[in-house]
Amino acid sequence: MIETLLSTTGGATNTGEPQVILAVALGLLFALGTFLILRRDLVRVVWGVSIISQAANVYLVTMGGLRGSVPIVSHGGGHGTPTDPLVQALVLTAIVIGFGTTAFALVLTLRVYEEHGTIDLSEVSE
């Protein structure tokens, strides 16, 4: 998909370009997550942790292989590099666990707000 986008926009379709684009996107996601974790607002901290966990999931899928196109069991004797389903299964599990953890953290944030009247971490710690 990225190579198709690059070829329609006039860019060169080297084999290294999708990896560079993904590396830059992952770097930006990790930077944004780190920036949000360092904020004083508790909701932004929760969003930062969520963004970092999703960036880690994208990283795992990227390292699992971008070139695989056929499933392990193919009905017509398809040729090509098979995609590793283990990485995708682990990332799917991580997404579900991350969603539950984020929901729990937001409920805890609501409880902190009800208890202290603020979600500013510097005021809560006093």
C-alpha atoms as a PDB file:
ATOM      1  CA  MET A   1       0.000   0.000   0.000  1.00  0.00           C
ATOM      2  CA  ILE A   2       2.780   2.431   0.867  1.00  0.00           C
ATOM      3  CA  GLU A   3       4.633   1.554  -2.334  1.00  0.00           C
ATOM      4  CA  THR A   4       1.469   2.214  -4.339  1.00  0.00           C
ATOM      5  CA  LEU A   5       1.088   5.575  -2.627  1.00  0.00           C
ATOM      6  CA  LEU A   6       4.705   6.456  -3.347  1.00  0.00           C
ATOM      7  CA  SER A   7       4.422   5.470  -7.001  1.00  0.00           C
ATOM      8  CA  THR A   8       1.268   7.556  -7.506  1.00  0.00           C
ATOM      9  CA  THR A   9       2.847  10.625  -5.923  1.00  0.00           C
ATOM     10  CA  GLY A  10       5.951  10.406  -8.107  1.00  0.00           C
ATOM     11  CA  GLY A  11       8.305   9.171  -5.398  1.00  0.00           C
ATOM     12  CA  ALA A  12      10.864   6.454  -5.941  1.00  0.00           C
ATOM     13  CA  THR A  13       9.850   3.007  -4.748  1.00  0.00           C
ATOM     14  CA  ASN A  14      13.055   1.750  -3.211  1.00  0.00           C
ATOM     15  CA  THR A  15      12.733  -1.208  -0.904  1.00  0.00           C
ATOM     16  CA  GLY A  16      14.047   0.870   2.005  1.00  0.00           C
ATOM     17  CA  GLU A  17      11.478   3.679   1.864  1.00  0.00           C
ATOM     18  CA  PRO A  18       8.584   1.965   3.685  1.00  0.00           C
ATOM     19  CA  GLN A  19      10.914   1.043   6.516  1.00  0.00           C
ATOM     20  CA  VAL A  20      12.136   4.640   6.777  1.00  0.00           C
ATOM     21  CA  ILE A  21       8.567   5.966   6.822  1.00  0.00           C
ATOM     22  CA  LEU A  22       7.575   3.454   9.507  1.00  0.00           C
ATOM     23  CA  ALA A  23      10.679   4.255  11.557  1.00  0.00           C
ATOM     24  CA  VAL A  24       9.878   7.973  11.473  1.00  0.00           C
ATOM     25  CA  ALA A  25       6.218   7.323  12.345  1.00  0.00           C
ATOM     26  CA  LEU A  26       7.209   5.065  15.249  1.00  0.00           C
ATOM     27  CA  GLY A  27       9.717   7.635  16.486  1.00  0.00           C
ATOM     28  CA  LEU A  28       7.023  10.316  16.429  1.00  0.00           C
ATOM     29  CA  LEU A  29       4.549   8.069  18.270  1.00  0.00           C
ATOM     30  CA  PHE A  30       7.090   7.227  20.981  1.00  0.00           C
ATOM     31  CA  ALA A  31       8.051  10.917  21.273  1.00  0.00           C
ATOM     32  CA  LEU A  32       4.413  11.990  21.567  1.00  0.00           C
ATOM     33  CA  GLY A  33       3.739   9.325  24.194  1.00  0.00           C
ATOM     34  CA  THR A  34       6.797  10.372  26.194  1.00  0.00           C
ATOM     35  CA  PHE A  35       5.760  14.025  25.950  1.00  0.00           C
ATOM     36  CA  LEU A  36       2.283  13.204  27.268  1.00  0.00           C
ATOM     37  CA  ILE A  37       3.613  11.046  30.113  1.00  0.00           C
ATOM     38  CA  LEU A  38       5.683  13.990  31.361  1.00  0.00           C
ATOM     39  CA  ARG A  39       2.604  16.261  31.678  1.00  0.00           C
ATOM     40  CA  ARG A  40       0.952  17.063  35.011  1.00  0.00           C
ATOM     41  CA  ASP A  41      -2.573  16.202  33.860  1.00  0.00           C
ATOM     42  CA  LEU A  42      -3.477  12.608  34.777  1.00  0.00           C
ATOM     43  CA  VAL A  43      -5.631  12.042  31.674  1.00  0.00           C
ATOM     44  CA  ARG A  44      -2.730  13.042  29.432  1.00  0.00           C
ATOM     45  CA  VAL A  45      -0.486  10.604  31.282  1.00  0.00           C
ATOM     46  CA  VAL A  46      -2.971   7.812  30.594  1.00  0.00           C
ATOM     47  CA  TRP A  47      -3.123   8.815  26.910  1.00  0.00           C
ATOM     48  CA  GLY A  48       0.679   8.835  26.759  1.00  0.00           C
ATOM     49  CA  VAL A  49       0.917   5.304  28.123  1.00  0.00           C
ATOM     50  CA  SER A  50      -1.745   4.185  25.650  1.00  0.00           C
ATOM     51  CA  ILE A  51       0.068   5.781  22.693  1.00  0.00           C
ATOM     52  CA  ILE A  52       3.372   4.194  23.690  1.00  0.00           C
ATOM     53  CA  SER A  53       1.755   0.761  23.977  1.00  0.00           C
ATOM     54  CA  GLN A  54       0.181   1.130  20.535  1.00  0.00           C
ATOM     55  CA  ALA A  55       3.509   2.278  19.098  1.00  0.00           C
ATOM     56  CA  ALA A  56       5.099  -0.855  20.547  1.00  0.00           C
ATOM     57  CA  ASN A  57       2.393  -2.928  18.839  1.00  0.00           C
ATOM     58  CA  VAL A  58       3.101  -1.265  15.484  1.00  0.00           C
ATOM     59  CA  TYR A  59       6.792  -1.922  16.038  1.00  0.00           C
ATOM     60  CA  LEU A  60       6.149  -5.622  16.681  1.00  0.00           C
ATOM     61  CA  VAL A  61       4.017  -5.965  13.562  1.00  0.00           C
ATOM     62  CA  THR A  62       6.694  -4.167  11.542  1.00  0.00           C
ATOM     63  CA  MET A  63       9.405  -6.471  12.833  1.00  0.00           C
ATOM     64  CA  GLY A  64       7.169  -9.470  12.114  1.00  0.00           C
ATOM     65  CA  GLY A  65       7.613  -8.789   8.432  1.00  0.00           C
ATOM     66  CA  LEU A  66       6.113  -6.497   5.833  1.00  0.00           C
ATOM     67  CA  ARG A  67       6.804  -8.601   2.759  1.00  0.00           C
ATOM     68  CA  GLY A  68       4.765 -11.705   3.597  1.00  0.00           C
ATOM     69  CA  SER A  69       1.688 -12.016   1.461  1.00  0.00           C
ATOM     70  CA  VAL A  70       0.370 -15.552   1.616  1.00  0.00           C
ATOM     71  CA  PRO A  71      -1.092 -17.411   4.576  1.00  0.00           C
ATOM     72  CA  ILE A  72       0.603 -20.477   5.999  1.00  0.00           C
ATOM     73  CA  VAL A  73      -2.021 -22.815   4.468  1.00  0.00           C
ATOM     74  CA  SER A  74      -2.778 -21.803   0.902  1.00  0.00           C
ATOM     75  CA  HIS A  75      -5.515 -23.332  -1.242  1.00  0.00           C
ATOM     76  CA  GLY A  76      -3.947 -23.250  -4.673  1.00  0.00           C
ATOM     77  CA  GLY A  77      -0.343 -23.846  -3.915  1.00  0.00           C
ATOM     78  CA  GLY A  78       0.401 -20.118  -3.633  1.00  0.00           C
ATOM     79  CA  HIS A  79       4.016 -19.131  -3.811  1.00  0.00           C
ATOM     80  CA  GLY A  80       5.589 -16.445  -1.725  1.00  0.00           C
ATOM     81  CA  THR A  81       6.837 -15.701   1.735  1.00  0.00           C
ATOM     82  CA  PRO A  82       4.314 -16.641   4.409  1.00  0.00           C
ATOM     83  CA  THR A  83       3.355 -14.083   7.016  1.00  0.00           C
ATOM     84  CA  ASP A  84       4.078 -15.105  10.599  1.00  0.00           C
ATOM     85  CA  PRO A  85       0.698 -15.300  12.383  1.00  0.00           C
ATOM     86  CA  LEU A  86       2.251 -15.520  15.853  1.00  0.00           C
ATOM     87  CA  VAL A  87       3.268 -11.854  15.866  1.00  0.00           C
ATOM     88  CA  GLN A  88      -0.200 -10.801  14.762  1.00  0.00           C
ATOM     89  CA  ALA A  89      -1.844 -12.941  17.453  1.00  0.00           C
ATOM     90  CA  LEU A  90       0.399 -11.483  20.147  1.00  0.00           C
ATOM     91  CA  VAL A  91      -0.305  -7.922  19.008  1.00  0.00           C
ATOM     92  CA  LEU A  92      -4.048  -8.588  18.928  1.00  0.00           C
ATOM     93  CA  THR A  93      -3.831  -9.866  22.496  1.00  0.00           C
ATOM     94  CA  ALA A  94      -1.780  -6.816  23.500  1.00  0.00           C
ATOM     95  CA  ILE A  95      -4.392  -4.496  21.974  1.00  0.00           C
ATOM     96  CA  VAL A  96      -7.188  -6.108  23.987  1.00  0.00           C
ATOM     97  CA  ILE A  97      -5.185  -6.021  27.217  1.00  0.00           C
ATOM     98  CA  GLY A  98      -4.155  -2.413  26.536  1.00  0.00           C
ATOM     99  CA  PHE A  99      -7.781  -1.403  26.010  1.00  0.00           C
ATOM    100  CA  GLY A 100      -8.764  -2.930  29.344  1.00  0.00           C
ATOM    101  CA  THR A 101      -5.823  -1.330  31.127  1.00  0.00           C
ATOM    102  CA  THR A 102      -6.627   2.083  29.626  1.00  0.00           C
ATOM    103  CA  ALA A 103     -10.267   1.811  30.681  1.00  0.00           C
ATOM    104  CA  PHE A 104      -9.185   0.858  34.201  1.00  0.00           C
ATOM    105  CA  ALA A 105      -6.719   3.776  34.357  1.00  0.00           C
ATOM    106  CA  LEU A 106      -9.429   6.218  33.242  1.00  0.00           C
ATOM    107  CA  VAL A 107     -11.775   4.900  35.938  1.00  0.00           C
ATOM    108  CA  LEU A 108      -8.996   5.390  38.492  1.00  0.00           C
ATOM    109  CA  THR A 109      -8.517   8.924  37.153  1.00  0.00           C
ATOM    110  CA  LEU A 110     -12.221   9.584  37.692  1.00  0.00           C
ATOM    111  CA  ARG A 111     -11.919   8.266  41.240  1.00  0.00           C
ATOM    112  CA  VAL A 112      -8.916  10.544  41.905  1.00  0.00           C
ATOM    113  CA  TYR A 113     -10.946  13.501  40.635  1.00  0.00           C
ATOM    114  CA  GLU A 114     -13.878  12.598  42.883  1.00  0.00           C
ATOM    115  CA  GLU A 115     -11.598  12.182  45.888  1.00  0.00           C
ATOM    116  CA  HIS A 116      -9.286  15.209  45.422  1.00  0.00           C
ATOM    117  CA  GLY A 117     -11.268  17.524  43.158  1.00  0.00           C
ATOM    118  CA  THR A 118      -8.405  17.765  40.644  1.00  0.00           C
ATOM    119  CA  ILE A 119      -6.427  15.596  38.251  1.00  0.00           C
ATOM    120  CA  ASP A 120      -3.263  17.696  38.461  1.00  0.00           C
ATOM    121  CA  LEU A 121      -0.571  15.350  39.743  1.00  0.00           C
ATOM    122  CA  SER A 122       1.354  18.028  41.637  1.00  0.00           C
ATOM    123  CA  GLU A 123      -1.763  18.984  43.626  1.00  0.00           C
ATOM    124  CA  VAL A 124      -2.729  15.374  44.265  1.00  0.00           C
ATOM    125  CA  SER A 125       0.698  14.523  45.672  1.00  0.00           C
ATOM    126  CA  GLU A 126       0.529  17.340  48.262  1.00  0.00           C
END
